[in-house]
Amino acid sequence: MSLPDLFPMIFFLAVIAAFVAFMVLYFKAFYSGRAKRQEKVEEQRKRHGGEYILEWSGPLAQGAADQEFGKLAVIIPKKRGDGSARFYEKGMIVDQKRVLYSEVKDIVYLKGRSGKKYTLKSAMRDSAVMWIYRKKGSTIGIRDFTYQFDEQTMERIRTGLGY
């Protein structure tokens, strides 16, 4: 085989090597951000004697305490109908799902974009949402077109849990 015959094979191998390097760097960056958030959660847990607790500096919501979760910190009511997302000292209740903070592996809050939403697709794409990733079970999403929340409250909940 002559050198010109090897160029396509060398080019193909270079493309594959570049793709593998890109994927390694991408996943490394993704998991390093998640690891940093987990370090903050672990630091907070150590401050509270090994318990996962919502650190809430604002006024507590009016409502009864839960036997399992403790004091009620925040209530986020639904826009239509009855129901709300309730954040307690040691856990939360969202859409009849009771979740201890120790069962949460990550929380991500994405700010929404303002402006008119003409289609359902644009409303979903541009809405603010807090994603609660559980260790086991389905992910819980709290969207601004379903619940009455503001950006500051959601940020305070996310940081109050250490994420």
C-alpha atoms as a PDB file:
ATOM      1  CA  MET A   1       0.000   0.000   0.000  1.00  0.00           C
ATOM      2  CA  SER A   2       1.223   3.413  -0.865  1.00  0.00           C
ATOM      3  CA  LEU A   3       0.884   6.517   1.267  1.00  0.00           C
ATOM      4  CA  PRO A   4      -1.939   8.109  -0.801  1.00  0.00           C
ATOM      5  CA  ASP A   5      -3.987   4.913  -0.339  1.00  0.00           C
ATOM      6  CA  LEU A   6      -3.689   5.256   3.463  1.00  0.00           C
ATOM      7  CA  PHE A   7      -5.025   8.859   3.652  1.00  0.00           C
ATOM      8  CA  PRO A   8      -8.728   7.900   3.832  1.00  0.00           C
ATOM      9  CA  MET A   9      -8.034   5.371   6.589  1.00  0.00           C
ATOM     10  CA  ILE A  10      -5.852   7.827   8.543  1.00  0.00           C
ATOM     11  CA  PHE A  11      -8.512  10.546   8.166  1.00  0.00           C
ATOM     12  CA  PHE A  12     -11.239   8.158   9.353  1.00  0.00           C
ATOM     13  CA  LEU A  13      -9.178   7.132  12.406  1.00  0.00           C
ATOM     14  CA  ALA A  14      -8.477  10.796  13.208  1.00  0.00           C
ATOM     15  CA  VAL A  15     -12.206  11.592  13.074  1.00  0.00           C
ATOM     16  CA  ILE A  16     -12.996   8.677  15.406  1.00  0.00           C
ATOM     17  CA  ALA A  17     -10.238   9.731  17.839  1.00  0.00           C
ATOM     18  CA  ALA A  18     -11.528  13.328  17.837  1.00  0.00           C
ATOM     19  CA  PHE A  19     -15.080  12.129  18.513  1.00  0.00           C
ATOM     20  CA  VAL A  20     -13.953   9.933  21.411  1.00  0.00           C
ATOM     21  CA  ALA A  21     -11.890  12.798  22.884  1.00  0.00           C
ATOM     22  CA  PHE A  22     -14.868  15.164  22.585  1.00  0.00           C
ATOM     23  CA  MET A  23     -17.204  12.697  24.337  1.00  0.00           C
ATOM     24  CA  VAL A  24     -14.715  12.122  27.162  1.00  0.00           C
ATOM     25  CA  LEU A  25     -14.306  15.873  27.727  1.00  0.00           C
ATOM     26  CA  TYR A  26     -18.073  16.445  27.538  1.00  0.00           C
ATOM     27  CA  PHE A  27     -18.907  13.785  30.130  1.00  0.00           C
ATOM     28  CA  LYS A  28     -16.033  14.883  32.349  1.00  0.00           C
ATOM     29  CA  ALA A  29     -17.380  18.462  32.382  1.00  0.00           C
ATOM     30  CA  PHE A  30     -20.953  17.269  32.979  1.00  0.00           C
ATOM     31  CA  TYR A  31     -20.071  15.064  35.926  1.00  0.00           C
ATOM     32  CA  SER A  32     -17.656  17.571  37.465  1.00  0.00           C
ATOM     33  CA  GLY A  33     -20.479  20.152  37.738  1.00  0.00           C
ATOM     34  CA  ARG A  34     -22.707  17.563  39.354  1.00  0.00           C
ATOM     35  CA  ALA A  35     -19.898  16.506  41.705  1.00  0.00           C
ATOM     36  CA  LYS A  36     -19.419  20.124  42.840  1.00  0.00           C
ATOM     37  CA  ARG A  37     -23.130  20.397  43.674  1.00  0.00           C
ATOM     38  CA  GLN A  38     -22.942  17.097  45.573  1.00  0.00           C
ATOM     39  CA  GLU A  39     -19.985  18.407  47.612  1.00  0.00           C
ATOM     40  CA  LYS A  40     -22.101  21.405  48.688  1.00  0.00           C
ATOM     41  CA  VAL A  41     -24.935  19.073  49.700  1.00  0.00           C
ATOM     42  CA  GLU A  42     -22.561  16.919  51.751  1.00  0.00           C
ATOM     43  CA  GLU A  43     -21.119  19.990  53.497  1.00  0.00           C
ATOM     44  CA  GLN A  44     -24.632  21.114  54.404  1.00  0.00           C
ATOM     45  CA  ARG A  45     -25.546  17.618  55.625  1.00  0.00           C
ATOM     46  CA  LYS A  46     -22.503  17.580  57.927  1.00  0.00           C
ATOM     47  CA  ARG A  47     -23.531  20.955  59.401  1.00  0.00           C
ATOM     48  CA  HIS A  48     -26.868  19.400  60.388  1.00  0.00           C
ATOM     49  CA  GLY A  49     -25.544  16.253  62.029  1.00  0.00           C
ATOM     50  CA  GLY A  50     -25.849  14.008  58.978  1.00  0.00           C
ATOM     51  CA  GLU A  51     -29.425  14.973  58.058  1.00  0.00           C
ATOM     52  CA  TYR A  52     -30.591  16.449  54.763  1.00  0.00           C
ATOM     53  CA  ILE A  53     -32.454  19.605  55.730  1.00  0.00           C
ATOM     54  CA  LEU A  54     -33.852  22.602  53.873  1.00  0.00           C
ATOM     55  CA  GLU A  55     -32.078  25.693  55.199  1.00  0.00           C
ATOM     56  CA  TRP A  56     -34.795  28.339  54.994  1.00  0.00           C
ATOM     57  CA  SER A  57     -33.942  31.859  56.129  1.00  0.00           C
ATOM     58  CA  GLY A  58     -37.247  33.507  55.222  1.00  0.00           C
ATOM     59  CA  PRO A  59     -40.541  33.416  57.081  1.00  0.00           C
ATOM     60  CA  LEU A  60     -42.074  29.968  57.466  1.00  0.00           C
ATOM     61  CA  ALA A  61     -45.334  29.234  55.674  1.00  0.00           C
ATOM     62  CA  GLN A  62     -48.539  28.982  57.654  1.00  0.00           C
ATOM     63  CA  GLY A  63     -49.548  25.355  57.994  1.00  0.00           C
ATOM     64  CA  ALA A  64     -49.344  22.263  60.091  1.00  0.00           C
ATOM     65  CA  ALA A  65     -46.090  20.403  60.504  1.00  0.00           C
ATOM     66  CA  ASP A  66     -45.755  16.911  59.026  1.00  0.00           C
ATOM     67  CA  GLN A  67     -44.929  13.987  61.328  1.00  0.00           C
ATOM     68  CA  GLU A  68     -42.247  12.675  58.988  1.00  0.00           C
ATOM     69  CA  PHE A  69     -40.937  15.900  57.406  1.00  0.00           C
ATOM     70  CA  GLY A  70     -41.114  18.409  60.269  1.00  0.00           C
ATOM     71  CA  LYS A  71     -41.944  22.116  60.013  1.00  0.00           C
ATOM     72  CA  LEU A  72     -43.531  23.550  56.863  1.00  0.00           C
ATOM     73  CA  ALA A  73     -41.163  26.030  55.205  1.00  0.00           C
ATOM     74  CA  VAL A  74     -42.669  26.929  51.804  1.00  0.00           C
ATOM     75  CA  ILE A  75     -45.965  26.387  50.003  1.00  0.00           C
ATOM     76  CA  ILE A  76     -46.150  26.824  46.240  1.00  0.00           C
ATOM     77  CA  PRO A  77     -49.854  26.749  45.244  1.00  0.00           C
ATOM     78  CA  LYS A  78     -51.132  25.507  41.898  1.00  0.00           C
ATOM     79  CA  LYS A  79     -52.546  28.095  39.551  1.00  0.00           C
ATOM     80  CA  ARG A  80     -55.715  26.102  38.860  1.00  0.00           C
ATOM     81  CA  GLY A  81     -57.554  23.861  41.254  1.00  0.00           C
ATOM     82  CA  ASP A  82     -56.538  22.645  44.644  1.00  0.00           C
ATOM     83  CA  GLY A  83     -53.131  21.416  45.578  1.00  0.00           C
ATOM     84  CA  SER A  84     -49.683  22.743  46.119  1.00  0.00           C
ATOM     85  CA  ALA A  85     -46.037  21.822  46.323  1.00  0.00           C
ATOM     86  CA  ARG A  86     -45.039  21.803  49.986  1.00  0.00           C
ATOM     87  CA  PHE A  87     -41.437  22.011  51.117  1.00  0.00           C
ATOM     88  CA  TYR A  88     -40.853  20.955  54.713  1.00  0.00           C
ATOM     89  CA  GLU A  89     -37.732  20.899  56.850  1.00  0.00           C
ATOM     90  CA  LYS A  90     -36.772  17.293  55.922  1.00  0.00           C
ATOM     91  CA  GLY A  91     -38.830  16.501  52.817  1.00  0.00           C
ATOM     92  CA  MET A  92     -41.352  17.654  50.250  1.00  0.00           C
ATOM     93  CA  ILE A  93     -44.762  16.731  48.933  1.00  0.00           C
ATOM     94  CA  VAL A  94     -45.343  17.425  45.229  1.00  0.00           C
ATOM     95  CA  ASP A  95     -48.338  15.979  43.358  1.00  0.00           C
ATOM     96  CA  GLN A  96     -49.023  13.480  46.169  1.00  0.00           C
ATOM     97  CA  LYS A  97     -45.391  12.267  45.982  1.00  0.00           C
ATOM     98  CA  ARG A  98     -43.684  12.292  49.363  1.00  0.00           C
ATOM     99  CA  VAL A  99     -39.932  12.641  48.956  1.00  0.00           C
ATOM    100  CA  LEU A 100     -37.292  12.876  51.667  1.00  0.00           C
ATOM    101  CA  TYR A 101     -34.402  15.167  50.779  1.00  0.00           C
ATOM    102  CA  SER A 102     -32.062  12.214  51.322  1.00  0.00           C
ATOM    103  CA  GLU A 103     -33.753  10.544  48.293  1.00  0.00           C
ATOM    104  CA  VAL A 104     -32.903  13.482  45.989  1.00  0.00           C
ATOM    105  CA  LYS A 105     -29.718  13.247  43.941  1.00  0.00           C
ATOM    106  CA  ASP A 106     -29.855  16.603  42.141  1.00  0.00           C
ATOM    107  CA  ILE A 107     -31.991  19.713  41.723  1.00  0.00           C
ATOM    108  CA  VAL A 108     -31.746  21.984  38.704  1.00  0.00           C
ATOM    109  CA  TYR A 109     -33.639  25.259  38.300  1.00  0.00           C
ATOM    110  CA  LEU A 110     -33.973  26.646  34.774  1.00  0.00           C
ATOM    111  CA  LYS A 111     -35.165  30.232  34.482  1.00  0.00           C
ATOM    112  CA  GLY A 112     -37.913  30.912  31.978  1.00  0.00           C
ATOM    113  CA  ARG A 113     -37.891  33.367  29.122  1.00  0.00           C
ATOM    114  CA  SER A 114     -40.369  36.207  29.142  1.00  0.00           C
ATOM    115  CA  GLY A 115     -42.562  37.200  26.253  1.00  0.00           C
ATOM    116  CA  LYS A 116     -45.680  35.958  24.504  1.00  0.00           C
ATOM    117  CA  LYS A 117     -46.125  32.246  24.040  1.00  0.00           C
ATOM    118  CA  TYR A 118     -48.214  31.514  20.957  1.00  0.00           C
ATOM    119  CA  THR A 119     -47.998  27.721  20.940  1.00  0.00           C
ATOM    120  CA  LEU A 120     -47.910  24.977  23.536  1.00  0.00           C
ATOM    121  CA  LYS A 121     -44.423  24.060  22.342  1.00  0.00           C
ATOM    122  CA  SER A 122     -43.101  27.587  22.948  1.00  0.00           C
ATOM    123  CA  ALA A 123     -44.855  27.701  26.339  1.00  0.00           C
ATOM    124  CA  MET A 124     -43.108  24.488  27.413  1.00  0.00           C
ATOM    125  CA  ARG A 125     -39.753  25.563  25.994  1.00  0.00           C
ATOM    126  CA  ASP A 126     -39.809  29.034  27.548  1.00  0.00           C
ATOM    127  CA  SER A 127     -41.301  28.179  30.946  1.00  0.00           C
ATOM    128  CA  ALA A 128     -39.314  28.198  34.151  1.00  0.00           C
ATOM    129  CA  VAL A 129     -38.967  24.776  35.749  1.00  0.00           C
ATOM    130  CA  MET A 130     -37.369  23.185  38.769  1.00  0.00           C
ATOM    131  CA  TRP A 131     -36.296  19.598  38.057  1.00  0.00           C
ATOM    132  CA  ILE A 132     -36.003  17.364  41.118  1.00  0.00           C
ATOM    133  CA  TYR A 133     -34.012  14.234  40.260  1.00  0.00           C
ATOM    134  CA  ARG A 134     -34.668  11.389  42.659  1.00  0.00           C
ATOM    135  CA  LYS A 135     -32.294   8.475  43.328  1.00  0.00           C
ATOM    136  CA  LYS A 136     -35.128   6.044  42.628  1.00  0.00           C
ATOM    137  CA  GLY A 137     -38.328   6.887  40.834  1.00  0.00           C
ATOM    138  CA  SER A 138     -39.388   9.433  38.292  1.00  0.00           C
ATOM    139  CA  THR A 139     -38.111  12.988  38.009  1.00  0.00           C
ATOM    140  CA  ILE A 140     -40.422  15.660  39.404  1.00  0.00           C
ATOM    141  CA  GLY A 141     -40.893  18.920  37.494  1.00  0.00           C
ATOM    142  CA  ILE A 142     -42.410  22.067  38.973  1.00  0.00           C
ATOM    143  CA  ARG A 143     -43.279  24.415  36.085  1.00  0.00           C
ATOM    144  CA  ASP A 144     -44.283  28.058  36.326  1.00  0.00           C
ATOM    145  CA  PHE A 145     -47.397  27.636  34.185  1.00  0.00           C
ATOM    146  CA  THR A 146     -48.753  25.022  36.622  1.00  0.00           C
ATOM    147  CA  TYR A 147     -47.555  26.474  39.945  1.00  0.00           C
ATOM    148  CA  GLN A 148     -47.489  30.068  41.235  1.00  0.00           C
ATOM    149  CA  PHE A 149     -43.839  30.638  42.006  1.00  0.00           C
ATOM    150  CA  ASP A 150     -41.275  33.287  41.479  1.00  0.00           C
ATOM    151  CA  GLU A 151     -37.631  33.000  40.551  1.00  0.00           C
ATOM    152  CA  GLN A 152     -36.316  34.171  43.927  1.00  0.00           C
ATOM    153  CA  THR A 153     -38.294  31.551  45.887  1.00  0.00           C
ATOM    154  CA  MET A 154     -37.156  28.712  43.633  1.00  0.00           C
ATOM    155  CA  GLU A 155     -33.518  29.818  43.847  1.00  0.00           C
ATOM    156  CA  ARG A 156     -33.791  30.000  47.649  1.00  0.00           C
ATOM    157  CA  ILE A 157     -35.209  26.460  47.775  1.00  0.00           C
ATOM    158  CA  ARG A 158     -32.443  25.133  45.509  1.00  0.00           C
ATOM    159  CA  THR A 159     -29.674  26.828  47.496  1.00  0.00           C
ATOM    160  CA  GLY A 160     -31.384  25.978  50.777  1.00  0.00           C
ATOM    161  CA  LEU A 161     -31.002  22.305  49.864  1.00  0.00           C
ATOM    162  CA  GLY A 162     -27.341  22.854  48.963  1.00  0.00           C
ATOM    163  CA  TYR A 163     -27.518  22.517  45.171  1.00  0.00           C
END
